[in-house]
Amino acid sequence: MPFEVYKPRGERVPKLPLVTISKNSIVLNKHAREKLDTEKVELAYDKEQNTIRIKATEDGQNIKKTKVFSRGFFNHFNIAAKGKYQAKYDEKENALYVSLD
């Protein structure tokens, strides 16, 4: 039986921006908030790709601590997804893209 050696200080896994979607809100983890570096965001939805865009903006919805209250957004687009999703960051647009698939 082959043994594998445990190395506690092995390769560092990069910290990923994660987004948690609940019934009423979108919660951004520390790394997602650091990437956007803003207090307000614009929410958009692409039905064909089933993707939410969270973009930093001057005049949008407030991020209250870690949450963006989004019930109206979910209702408008009939989004029923819940759970944790990994977000992809686009540096050019300063936006996070969350695929709900």
Protein backbone atom coordinates (compact mmCIF):
# COMPACT_ATOMS: atom_id res chain seq x y z
CA MET A 1 0.00 0.00 0.00
CA PRO A 2 1.60 3.33 -1.06
CA PHE A 3 1.78 6.08 1.55
CA GLU A 4 1.35 9.77 0.84
CA VAL A 5 3.30 12.22 2.97
CA TYR A 6 1.39 15.03 4.68
CA LYS A 7 3.02 18.44 4.25
CA PRO A 8 1.25 21.09 6.36
CA ARG A 9 2.96 24.01 4.61
CA GLY A 10 2.46 22.78 1.09
CA GLU A 11 1.19 24.71 -1.87
CA ARG A 12 -0.82 27.79 -1.06
CA VAL A 13 -4.27 27.76 -2.54
CA PRO A 14 -5.24 31.22 -3.79
CA LYS A 15 -8.16 32.76 -1.94
CA LEU A 16 -11.21 32.73 -4.16
CA PRO A 17 -14.03 35.25 -4.30
CA LEU A 18 -17.17 33.47 -3.15
CA VAL A 19 -20.76 34.65 -3.29
CA THR A 20 -23.52 33.20 -1.14
CA ILE A 21 -27.06 33.61 -2.43
CA SER A 22 -30.00 33.36 -0.07
CA LYS A 23 -33.70 34.15 -0.41
CA ASN A 24 -33.20 37.87 0.26
CA SER A 25 -29.56 38.75 -0.24
CA ILE A 26 -26.20 38.23 -1.87
CA VAL A 27 -23.31 37.88 0.58
CA LEU A 28 -19.79 38.63 -0.63
CA ASN A 29 -16.84 37.04 1.13
CA LYS A 30 -13.79 39.10 2.08
CA HIS A 31 -11.95 38.28 -1.14
CA ALA A 32 -14.90 39.25 -3.33
CA ARG A 33 -15.21 42.59 -1.51
CA GLU A 34 -11.46 43.21 -1.81
CA LYS A 35 -11.58 42.60 -5.56
CA LEU A 36 -14.46 45.05 -6.10
CA ASP A 37 -13.13 47.60 -3.57
CA THR A 38 -16.38 49.59 -3.46
CA GLU A 39 -19.32 50.35 -1.21
CA LYS A 40 -21.95 50.23 -3.98
CA VAL A 41 -22.67 47.66 -6.68
CA GLU A 42 -24.84 47.28 -9.74
CA LEU A 43 -26.60 43.94 -10.20
CA ALA A 44 -27.36 42.54 -13.65
CA TYR A 45 -28.54 39.16 -14.95
CA ASP A 46 -27.90 37.31 -18.21
CA LYS A 47 -30.77 34.84 -18.74
CA GLU A 48 -29.05 32.97 -21.58
CA GLN A 49 -25.89 32.30 -19.58
CA ASN A 50 -27.74 32.11 -16.22
CA THR A 51 -25.12 34.46 -14.77
CA ILE A 52 -25.28 37.34 -12.31
CA ARG A 53 -22.91 40.29 -12.74
CA ILE A 54 -21.96 42.25 -9.63
CA LYS A 55 -20.20 45.41 -10.78
CA ALA A 56 -18.61 48.18 -8.75
CA THR A 57 -20.33 51.51 -9.35
CA GLU A 58 -20.69 55.00 -7.91
CA ASP A 59 -24.47 54.90 -7.63
CA GLY A 60 -25.98 51.50 -7.01
CA GLN A 61 -27.07 49.27 -4.20
CA ASN A 62 -25.19 49.56 -0.92
CA ILE A 63 -23.07 46.76 0.45
CA LYS A 64 -24.06 46.63 4.13
CA LYS A 65 -21.09 44.97 5.84
CA THR A 66 -21.04 41.88 3.61
CA LYS A 67 -24.59 41.84 2.18
CA VAL A 68 -26.37 43.27 -0.81
CA PHE A 69 -30.12 43.10 -0.17
CA SER A 70 -31.47 41.65 -3.40
CA ARG A 71 -35.03 40.37 -2.98
CA GLY A 72 -36.39 42.75 -5.66
CA PHE A 73 -33.60 41.73 -8.06
CA PHE A 74 -34.35 38.01 -7.53
CA ASN A 75 -38.09 38.55 -7.95
CA HIS A 76 -37.65 40.67 -11.10
CA PHE A 77 -35.61 37.97 -12.87
CA ASN A 78 -37.30 34.95 -11.22
CA ILE A 79 -34.01 33.77 -9.71
CA ALA A 80 -34.55 30.98 -7.19
CA ALA A 81 -30.93 29.83 -6.79
CA LYS A 82 -29.51 29.45 -3.31
CA GLY A 83 -26.08 28.40 -2.08
CA LYS A 84 -22.40 29.26 -2.40
CA TYR A 85 -20.93 30.03 -5.79
CA GLN A 86 -17.41 30.79 -6.91
CA ALA A 87 -17.22 34.15 -8.67
CA LYS A 88 -14.96 35.04 -11.57
CA TYR A 89 -13.41 38.50 -11.40
CA ASP A 90 -13.03 40.65 -14.53
CA GLU A 91 -10.40 43.30 -13.88
CA LYS A 92 -11.29 45.45 -16.94
CA GLU A 93 -14.92 45.83 -15.85
CA ASN A 94 -14.22 45.62 -12.11
CA ALA A 95 -17.02 43.06 -11.88
CA LEU A 96 -17.71 39.62 -10.48
CA TYR A 97 -19.53 37.05 -12.59
CA VAL A 98 -21.47 34.31 -10.81
CA SER A 99 -22.64 31.36 -12.90
CA LEU A 100 -25.76 29.81 -11.35
CA ASP A 101 -25.37 26.52 -13.25
